[in-house]
Protein backbone atom coordinates (compact mmCIF):
# COMPACT_ATOMS: atom_id res chain seq x y z
CA MET A 1 11.54 -43.86 57.38
CA ALA A 2 10.23 -45.30 53.76
CA LEU A 3 12.55 -45.28 51.10
CA GLU A 4 12.27 -46.28 47.56
CA ILE A 5 15.56 -47.83 45.53
CA GLU A 6 14.22 -48.16 42.29
CA ARG A 7 15.47 -48.67 38.96
CA LYS A 8 13.88 -47.83 35.74
CA PHE A 9 14.38 -49.31 32.07
CA LEU A 10 12.79 -48.53 29.05
CA VAL A 11 11.27 -52.23 27.09
CA THR A 12 12.36 -52.78 23.71
CA SER A 13 10.01 -55.84 22.35
CA ASP A 14 6.32 -56.94 23.48
CA ALA A 15 8.15 -59.91 24.74
CA TRP A 16 7.22 -59.83 28.75
CA ARG A 17 3.78 -59.84 28.07
CA ALA A 18 4.20 -63.69 27.85
CA ALA A 19 5.66 -63.06 31.15
CA ALA A 20 2.68 -60.76 33.09
CA HIS A 21 0.70 -62.36 35.19
CA GLU A 22 -1.58 -59.66 36.52
CA VAL A 23 -2.20 -56.09 35.02
CA VAL A 24 -4.03 -53.03 37.52
CA PRO A 25 -5.47 -50.68 35.17
CA MET A 26 -4.06 -47.09 36.73
CA ALA A 27 -4.70 -43.41 36.92
CA GLN A 28 -2.66 -40.68 38.49
CA GLY A 29 -2.52 -36.71 38.83
CA TYR A 30 -0.18 -34.39 41.22
CA LEU A 31 -1.29 -31.97 42.95
CA ASN A 32 2.23 -30.27 42.87
CA ASP A 33 3.84 -29.71 39.44
CA LEU A 34 7.79 -29.89 37.89
CA ALA A 35 7.72 -26.12 38.02
CA ALA A 36 7.69 -26.68 41.78
CA MET A 37 10.12 -29.70 42.09
CA ASP A 38 12.52 -27.39 39.64
CA THR A 39 12.41 -24.38 41.62
CA GLY A 40 12.99 -26.11 44.47
CA ALA A 41 9.98 -24.58 46.27
CA MET A 42 8.37 -27.71 47.01
CA LYS A 43 10.82 -31.03 48.18
CA ALA A 44 8.79 -33.85 47.02
CA SER A 45 6.31 -34.53 44.92
CA VAL A 46 2.48 -34.86 45.99
CA ARG A 47 0.50 -37.54 43.86
CA VAL A 48 -2.71 -39.39 44.15
CA ARG A 49 -3.01 -42.72 42.62
CA ILE A 50 -6.45 -44.29 41.57
CA ALA A 51 -4.95 -48.55 40.95
CA GLY A 52 -7.29 -50.65 40.01
CA ASP A 53 -10.25 -50.75 43.28
CA ASP A 54 -7.53 -48.65 45.83
CA ALA A 55 -6.65 -45.43 45.98
CA PHE A 56 -3.69 -43.82 47.30
CA LEU A 57 -1.53 -40.39 48.75
CA ASN A 58 2.42 -40.37 47.59
CA LEU A 59 4.98 -38.32 48.37
CA LYS A 60 8.45 -38.62 47.09
CA SER A 61 11.17 -36.98 47.52
CA ARG A 62 12.76 -34.66 44.90
CA GLU A 63 15.76 -36.38 44.54
CA LEU A 64 17.12 -37.60 41.27
CA GLY A 65 18.10 -41.41 40.76
CA HIS A 66 17.87 -44.39 41.89
CA THR A 67 17.37 -43.49 46.12
CA ARG A 68 14.53 -41.34 47.28
CA GLN A 69 12.25 -40.93 50.42
CA GLU A 70 8.70 -42.59 49.68
CA PHE A 71 5.34 -42.42 51.74
CA ASP A 72 1.93 -43.82 50.34
CA TYR A 73 -1.07 -43.27 52.09
CA PRO A 74 -4.29 -45.38 51.54
CA VAL A 75 -7.56 -43.22 50.51
CA PRO A 76 -11.44 -43.79 49.82
CA VAL A 77 -11.28 -44.04 46.42
CA ASP A 78 -14.17 -41.28 46.23
CA ASP A 79 -11.81 -38.83 47.73
CA ALA A 80 -9.01 -39.96 45.43
CA ARG A 81 -11.55 -38.79 42.21
CA ALA A 82 -11.89 -35.69 44.04
CA LEU A 83 -8.24 -35.02 44.59
CA LEU A 84 -7.57 -36.10 40.93
CA ALA A 85 -9.81 -32.87 39.92
CA LEU A 86 -7.74 -30.56 41.79
CA CYS A 87 -4.21 -31.56 39.72
CA VAL A 88 -2.02 -29.62 37.77
CA GLY A 89 -1.10 -30.96 34.57
CA GLY A 90 -2.51 -33.72 32.77
CA LEU A 91 -3.41 -36.98 33.96
CA VAL A 92 -1.05 -40.60 33.88
CA ASP A 93 -3.16 -43.51 32.57
CA LYS A 94 -0.96 -46.62 32.45
CA ARG A 95 -1.46 -50.26 32.80
CA ARG A 96 0.44 -51.68 34.94
CA HIS A 97 1.56 -55.10 34.29
CA TYR A 98 3.86 -57.36 37.02
CA VAL A 99 6.25 -59.90 35.72
CA ARG A 100 8.49 -62.22 37.42
CA HIS A 101 11.84 -62.70 36.68
CA GLU A 102 14.66 -64.73 38.06
CA GLY A 103 13.40 -63.54 41.77
CA HIS A 104 12.72 -60.36 41.21
CA LEU A 105 9.16 -58.59 40.42
CA TRP A 106 9.30 -56.11 37.36
CA GLU A 107 6.61 -53.33 37.26
CA VAL A 108 5.84 -52.44 33.46
CA ASP A 109 4.32 -49.70 33.47
CA GLU A 110 2.06 -49.52 29.59
CA PHE A 111 1.13 -45.26 29.31
CA LEU A 112 -1.85 -44.80 27.87
CA GLY A 113 -3.63 -41.38 26.22
CA ASP A 114 -1.07 -38.54 26.08
CA ASN A 115 2.11 -40.69 26.58
CA ALA A 116 0.94 -43.44 24.30
CA GLY A 117 4.01 -45.17 22.97
CA LEU A 118 6.03 -45.00 26.24
CA VAL A 119 6.59 -48.29 27.79
CA VAL A 120 8.63 -48.74 30.83
CA ALA A 121 9.89 -51.37 33.46
CA GLU A 122 11.26 -50.65 36.99
CA ILE A 123 12.42 -52.90 39.09
CA GLU A 124 12.28 -52.05 43.16
CA LEU A 125 15.58 -53.36 45.37
CA GLY A 126 16.06 -54.00 48.51
CA SER A 127 19.24 -52.00 47.88
CA ALA A 128 21.34 -49.66 45.79
CA ASP A 129 24.07 -52.18 45.12
CA GLU A 130 21.44 -55.17 45.10
CA ALA A 131 22.02 -57.72 41.32
CA PHE A 132 19.58 -58.04 39.42
CA ALA A 133 19.46 -60.22 36.51
CA LYS A 134 18.54 -58.35 33.25
CA PRO A 135 16.00 -59.87 31.35
CA ALA A 136 15.94 -60.03 27.21
CA TRP A 137 13.01 -57.56 26.77
CA LEU A 138 14.63 -54.80 28.68
CA GLY A 139 16.99 -51.85 26.85
CA ALA A 140 18.20 -48.30 28.63
CA GLU A 141 18.31 -47.44 31.70
CA VAL A 142 16.38 -44.60 31.94
CA THR A 143 16.80 -43.27 36.07
CA ASP A 144 18.74 -40.68 36.12
CA GLU A 145 16.29 -39.22 33.26
CA PRO A 146 13.82 -37.16 34.65
CA ARG A 147 11.63 -36.25 31.57
CA TYR A 148 11.22 -39.93 32.12
CA TYR A 149 9.58 -39.58 35.86
CA ASN A 150 4.83 -39.87 36.35
CA LEU A 151 5.86 -35.95 37.15
CA ALA A 152 7.32 -34.89 34.12
CA LEU A 153 5.36 -36.82 31.88
CA ALA A 154 1.86 -35.03 33.37
CA THR A 155 3.44 -31.67 32.77
CA ARG A 156 4.78 -32.49 29.00
CA PRO A 157 3.96 -35.39 28.01
CA TYR A 158 5.21 -38.02 25.50
CA ALA A 159 3.19 -37.10 22.90
CA ARG A 160 4.41 -33.21 22.93
CA TRP A 161 8.47 -35.32 22.59
CA SER A 162 10.61 -34.91 19.70
CA MET A 163 12.77 -37.77 17.36
CA ASP A 164 15.56 -36.83 19.13
CA GLU A 165 13.66 -37.27 22.87
CA ARG A 166 11.95 -40.41 22.31
């Protein structure tokens, strides 16, 4: 079984840009919606993602928090494009920037389109209690806040959030 242990944070400045060593454009959508997950009708999100020249079908269990089951399968890009056309809700467009900081790789997602203005940083860990250094540009942790999950952003994008939600 594949486990993902991931923490997610808001980003408070552009200081991370100087350390970014790679950027990959991504477009992704979901074959199920947030309502199916919230009601328990489905126990995993089903995502299609095109990342640069590669494409993947991904299933992720619906647990909140930093540890979930995750399964990622490569698919042909043409198949991924066809699957994106079948997705419910909107597509999530973003640029993923890879930033190394004190022995860890951070993924900084700069969202575009209806989610423009939102920037989050994620770190994958080997264990739930693994220590890591927080970069100065890191803000509040949002790991346990479902509205920051990409599935939620496809259903209710950042552009529709109130000022209090931001």
